[in-house]
Amino acid sequence: MIAISPETANFIGFAGSFCIVAAFIYANRAKQLDKLFYNLANLLGAALLTVSLLVNYNLPTLVLEIVWICISVYGIVVALRERAAMRKEASA
């Protein structure tokens, strides 16, 4: 699918897995969740896993990562809108 070795794809996939697991740990340990950080970490992890899956193909997991990307993008949009609203309220 793309021109990288399976070993490199695995390394990229492990990096993506690390991002997602780290975000999950952060979400469970943070006293106050930073939604933007959490969703950006999930987006990065899902994107890296998607690259890996384009080399080491697995359709169900690829679909899962695409859904994960969509949810993360939605969460980023929500977090940015919330931050903008808070800034607007603070300046009013």
N, C-alpha and C. Protein backbone atom coordinates (compact mmCIF):
# COMPACT_ATOMS: atom_id res chain seq x y z
N MET A 1 0.81 -1.19 0.00
CA MET A 1 0.00 0.00 0.00
C MET A 1 0.87 1.27 0.00
N ILE A 2 1.75 1.41 1.01
CA ILE A 2 2.69 2.53 0.99
C ILE A 2 4.11 1.97 1.10
N ALA A 3 5.07 2.76 0.67
CA ALA A 3 6.43 2.25 0.50
C ALA A 3 7.28 2.39 1.76
N ILE A 4 6.91 1.68 2.81
CA ILE A 4 7.76 1.56 3.99
C ILE A 4 7.81 0.09 4.38
N SER A 5 8.86 -0.28 5.05
CA SER A 5 9.02 -1.70 5.41
C SER A 5 8.01 -2.07 6.51
N PRO A 6 7.68 -3.36 6.59
CA PRO A 6 6.79 -3.81 7.66
C PRO A 6 7.35 -3.51 9.05
N GLU A 7 8.66 -3.57 9.20
CA GLU A 7 9.27 -3.28 10.50
C GLU A 7 9.09 -1.81 10.87
N THR A 8 9.28 -0.92 9.90
CA THR A 8 9.07 0.50 10.14
C THR A 8 7.61 0.77 10.46
N ALA A 9 6.72 0.10 9.72
CA ALA A 9 5.28 0.25 9.98
C ALA A 9 4.95 -0.20 11.40
N ASN A 10 5.57 -1.27 11.85
CA ASN A 10 5.35 -1.74 13.22
C ASN A 10 5.82 -0.71 14.23
N PHE A 11 6.98 -0.12 14.01
CA PHE A 11 7.49 0.92 14.90
C PHE A 11 6.52 2.10 14.96
N ILE A 12 6.03 2.52 13.80
CA ILE A 12 5.05 3.61 13.73
C ILE A 12 3.78 3.22 14.48
N GLY A 13 3.34 1.99 14.30
CA GLY A 13 2.15 1.50 14.99
C GLY A 13 2.33 1.47 16.50
N PHE A 14 3.50 1.05 16.96
CA PHE A 14 3.77 1.05 18.41
C PHE A 14 3.76 2.48 18.96
N ALA A 15 4.30 3.42 18.19
CA ALA A 15 4.27 4.83 18.62
C ALA A 15 2.83 5.31 18.74
N GLY A 16 1.99 4.92 17.78
CA GLY A 16 0.58 5.28 17.84
C GLY A 16 -0.12 4.66 19.03
N SER A 17 0.17 3.40 19.28
CA SER A 17 -0.41 2.73 20.45
C SER A 17 0.00 3.42 21.73
N PHE A 18 1.27 3.81 21.81
CA PHE A 18 1.76 4.52 22.99
C PHE A 18 0.97 5.81 23.20
N CYS A 19 0.74 6.57 22.11
CA CYS A 19 -0.01 7.83 22.23
C CYS A 19 -1.41 7.59 22.79
N ILE A 20 -2.09 6.59 22.27
CA ILE A 20 -3.46 6.32 22.70
C ILE A 20 -3.49 5.84 24.16
N VAL A 21 -2.58 4.95 24.52
CA VAL A 21 -2.53 4.47 25.89
C VAL A 21 -2.15 5.60 26.85
N ALA A 22 -1.20 6.43 26.45
CA ALA A 22 -0.80 7.57 27.29
C ALA A 22 -1.97 8.53 27.48
N ALA A 23 -2.75 8.76 26.43
CA ALA A 23 -3.92 9.64 26.54
C ALA A 23 -4.95 9.03 27.49
N PHE A 24 -5.13 7.73 27.42
CA PHE A 24 -6.08 7.05 28.30
C PHE A 24 -5.63 7.15 29.76
N ILE A 25 -4.35 6.93 29.99
CA ILE A 25 -3.81 7.06 31.36
C ILE A 25 -4.00 8.50 31.84
N TYR A 26 -3.67 9.46 30.98
CA TYR A 26 -3.84 10.88 31.33
C TYR A 26 -5.29 11.17 31.72
N ALA A 27 -6.23 10.67 30.91
CA ALA A 27 -7.65 10.93 31.16
C ALA A 27 -8.10 10.36 32.51
N ASN A 28 -7.49 9.28 32.92
CA ASN A 28 -7.87 8.65 34.18
C ASN A 28 -7.12 9.19 35.38
N ARG A 29 -6.04 9.91 35.16
CA ARG A 29 -5.24 10.43 36.28
C ARG A 29 -5.33 11.94 36.45
N ALA A 30 -5.73 12.65 35.42
CA ALA A 30 -5.77 14.12 35.47
C ALA A 30 -6.86 14.59 36.43
N LYS A 31 -6.53 15.59 37.21
CA LYS A 31 -7.55 16.19 38.09
C LYS A 31 -8.55 16.98 37.27
N GLN A 32 -8.06 17.60 36.20
CA GLN A 32 -8.95 18.30 35.27
C GLN A 32 -8.48 17.98 33.86
N LEU A 33 -9.34 17.37 33.08
CA LEU A 33 -9.00 16.91 31.74
C LEU A 33 -8.88 18.08 30.78
N ASP A 34 -7.77 18.15 30.07
CA ASP A 34 -7.60 19.10 28.98
C ASP A 34 -8.09 18.38 27.72
N LYS A 35 -9.32 18.70 27.30
CA LYS A 35 -9.93 17.98 26.18
C LYS A 35 -9.13 18.12 24.90
N LEU A 36 -8.53 19.29 24.69
CA LEU A 36 -7.76 19.50 23.47
C LEU A 36 -6.55 18.57 23.45
N PHE A 37 -5.78 18.55 24.53
CA PHE A 37 -4.61 17.68 24.61
C PHE A 37 -5.01 16.21 24.44
N TYR A 38 -6.04 15.80 25.15
CA TYR A 38 -6.50 14.42 25.10
C TYR A 38 -6.87 14.00 23.67
N ASN A 39 -7.64 14.84 23.00
CA ASN A 39 -8.07 14.50 21.64
C ASN A 39 -6.94 14.60 20.62
N LEU A 40 -6.02 15.53 20.82
CA LEU A 40 -4.86 15.61 19.93
C LEU A 40 -3.99 14.36 20.07
N ALA A 41 -3.79 13.90 21.29
CA ALA A 41 -3.00 12.68 21.51
C ALA A 41 -3.69 11.47 20.87
N ASN A 42 -5.00 11.40 20.99
CA ASN A 42 -5.74 10.31 20.36
C ASN A 42 -5.68 10.40 18.84
N LEU A 43 -5.79 11.60 18.31
CA LEU A 43 -5.70 11.79 16.85
C LEU A 43 -4.33 11.35 16.35
N LEU A 44 -3.27 11.79 17.03
CA LEU A 44 -1.93 11.40 16.61
C LEU A 44 -1.77 9.88 16.67
N GLY A 45 -2.22 9.28 17.76
CA GLY A 45 -2.11 7.83 17.90
C GLY A 45 -2.87 7.09 16.81
N ALA A 46 -4.09 7.50 16.55
CA ALA A 46 -4.90 6.84 15.52
C ALA A 46 -4.30 7.04 14.13
N ALA A 47 -3.75 8.22 13.87
CA ALA A 47 -3.12 8.47 12.57
C ALA A 47 -1.89 7.59 12.38
N LEU A 48 -1.07 7.47 13.42
CA LEU A 48 0.12 6.62 13.32
C LEU A 48 -0.27 5.15 13.15
N LEU A 49 -1.28 4.72 13.87
CA LEU A 49 -1.76 3.34 13.70
C LEU A 49 -2.33 3.12 12.30
N THR A 50 -2.98 4.12 11.75
CA THR A 50 -3.52 4.01 10.39
C THR A 50 -2.39 3.83 9.38
N VAL A 51 -1.30 4.58 9.54
CA VAL A 51 -0.15 4.40 8.65
C VAL A 51 0.36 2.97 8.74
N SER A 52 0.49 2.47 9.96
CA SER A 52 0.94 1.10 10.17
C SER A 52 0.00 0.10 9.49
N LEU A 53 -1.29 0.34 9.61
CA LEU A 53 -2.27 -0.58 9.05
C LEU A 53 -2.34 -0.54 7.53
N LEU A 54 -1.86 0.52 6.94
CA LEU A 54 -1.82 0.57 5.47
C LEU A 54 -0.73 -0.35 4.93
N VAL A 55 0.25 -0.69 5.77
CA VAL A 55 1.29 -1.63 5.38
C VAL A 55 0.93 -3.03 5.86
N ASN A 56 0.60 -3.15 7.13
CA ASN A 56 0.20 -4.42 7.73
C ASN A 56 -1.33 -4.43 7.81
N TYR A 57 -1.96 -4.69 6.68
CA TYR A 57 -3.39 -4.46 6.50
C TYR A 57 -4.25 -5.36 7.39
N ASN A 58 -5.24 -4.71 8.02
CA ASN A 58 -6.25 -5.41 8.82
C ASN A 58 -7.49 -4.52 8.76
N LEU A 59 -8.45 -4.88 7.92
CA LEU A 59 -9.61 -4.03 7.65
C LEU A 59 -10.39 -3.63 8.89
N PRO A 60 -10.78 -4.56 9.78
CA PRO A 60 -11.56 -4.13 10.95
C PRO A 60 -10.82 -3.11 11.82
N THR A 61 -9.53 -3.31 12.00
CA THR A 61 -8.76 -2.37 12.81
C THR A 61 -8.58 -1.04 12.09
N LEU A 62 -8.41 -1.08 10.78
CA LEU A 62 -8.31 0.16 10.00
C LEU A 62 -9.60 0.97 10.12
N VAL A 63 -10.74 0.31 10.03
CA VAL A 63 -12.03 1.00 10.19
C VAL A 63 -12.12 1.60 11.59
N LEU A 64 -11.71 0.85 12.61
CA LEU A 64 -11.72 1.37 13.97
C LEU A 64 -10.87 2.64 14.08
N GLU A 65 -9.69 2.65 13.50
CA GLU A 65 -8.82 3.82 13.58
C GLU A 65 -9.40 5.01 12.83
N ILE A 66 -10.08 4.77 11.73
CA ILE A 66 -10.72 5.87 11.00
C ILE A 66 -11.84 6.47 11.86
N VAL A 67 -12.61 5.62 12.51
CA VAL A 67 -13.65 6.11 13.43
C VAL A 67 -13.01 6.88 14.58
N TRP A 68 -11.91 6.37 15.12
CA TRP A 68 -11.19 7.02 16.22
C TRP A 68 -10.71 8.40 15.78
N ILE A 69 -10.22 8.50 14.55
CA ILE A 69 -9.79 9.80 14.01
C ILE A 69 -10.97 10.76 13.94
N CYS A 70 -12.10 10.30 13.44
CA CYS A 70 -13.29 11.16 13.33
C CYS A 70 -13.75 11.65 14.70
N ILE A 71 -13.78 10.76 15.68
CA ILE A 71 -14.19 11.15 17.03
C ILE A 71 -13.19 12.14 17.61
N SER A 72 -11.91 11.93 17.38
CA SER A 72 -10.89 12.84 17.88
C SER A 72 -11.01 14.22 17.25
N VAL A 73 -11.24 14.27 15.96
CA VAL A 73 -11.42 15.56 15.28
C VAL A 73 -12.64 16.28 15.85
N TYR A 74 -13.72 15.55 16.05
CA TYR A 74 -14.91 16.14 16.67
C TYR A 74 -14.57 16.70 18.05
N GLY A 75 -13.84 15.92 18.85
CA GLY A 75 -13.46 16.37 20.19
C GLY A 75 -12.56 17.60 20.15
N ILE A 76 -11.69 17.68 19.16
CA ILE A 76 -10.83 18.86 19.00
C ILE A 76 -11.66 20.09 18.69
N VAL A 77 -12.62 19.94 17.79
CA VAL A 77 -13.51 21.06 17.43
C VAL A 77 -14.28 21.54 18.66
N VAL A 78 -14.83 20.60 19.42
CA VAL A 78 -15.58 20.95 20.63
C VAL A 78 -14.66 21.66 21.63
N ALA A 79 -13.46 21.13 21.84
CA ALA A 79 -12.53 21.73 22.80
C ALA A 79 -12.14 23.15 22.37
N LEU A 80 -11.90 23.35 21.09
CA LEU A 80 -11.54 24.68 20.61
C LEU A 80 -12.70 25.66 20.75
N ARG A 81 -13.91 25.19 20.48
CA ARG A 81 -15.09 26.06 20.66
C ARG A 81 -15.29 26.43 22.12
N GLU A 82 -15.09 25.46 23.01
CA GLU A 82 -15.21 25.74 24.45
C GLU A 82 -14.16 26.76 24.90
N ARG A 83 -12.95 26.62 24.41
CA ARG A 83 -11.89 27.57 24.77
C ARG A 83 -12.22 28.97 24.24
N ALA A 84 -12.73 29.03 23.03
CA ALA A 84 -13.10 30.34 22.46
C ALA A 84 -14.22 30.98 23.27
N ALA A 85 -15.21 30.19 23.69
CA ALA A 85 -16.31 30.71 24.49
C ALA A 85 -15.82 31.21 25.84
N MET A 86 -14.87 30.47 26.44
CA MET A 86 -14.32 30.89 27.73
C MET A 86 -13.55 32.20 27.59
N ARG A 87 -12.79 32.33 26.51
CA ARG A 87 -12.05 33.59 26.28
C ARG A 87 -13.01 34.76 26.06
N LYS A 88 -14.09 34.48 25.33
CA LYS A 88 -15.08 35.52 25.06
C LYS A 88 -15.74 35.97 26.36
N GLU A 89 -16.09 35.00 27.22
CA GLU A 89 -16.69 35.33 28.52
C GLU A 89 -15.72 36.10 29.41
N ALA A 90 -14.45 35.71 29.36
CA ALA A 90 -13.44 36.38 30.20
C ALA A 90 -13.20 37.82 29.77
N SER A 91 -13.34 38.08 28.48
CA SER A 91 -13.09 39.45 28.00
C SER A 91 -14.33 40.33 28.07
N ALA A 92 -15.47 39.74 28.34
CA ALA A 92 -16.73 40.53 28.41
C ALA A 92 -16.90 41.22 29.73
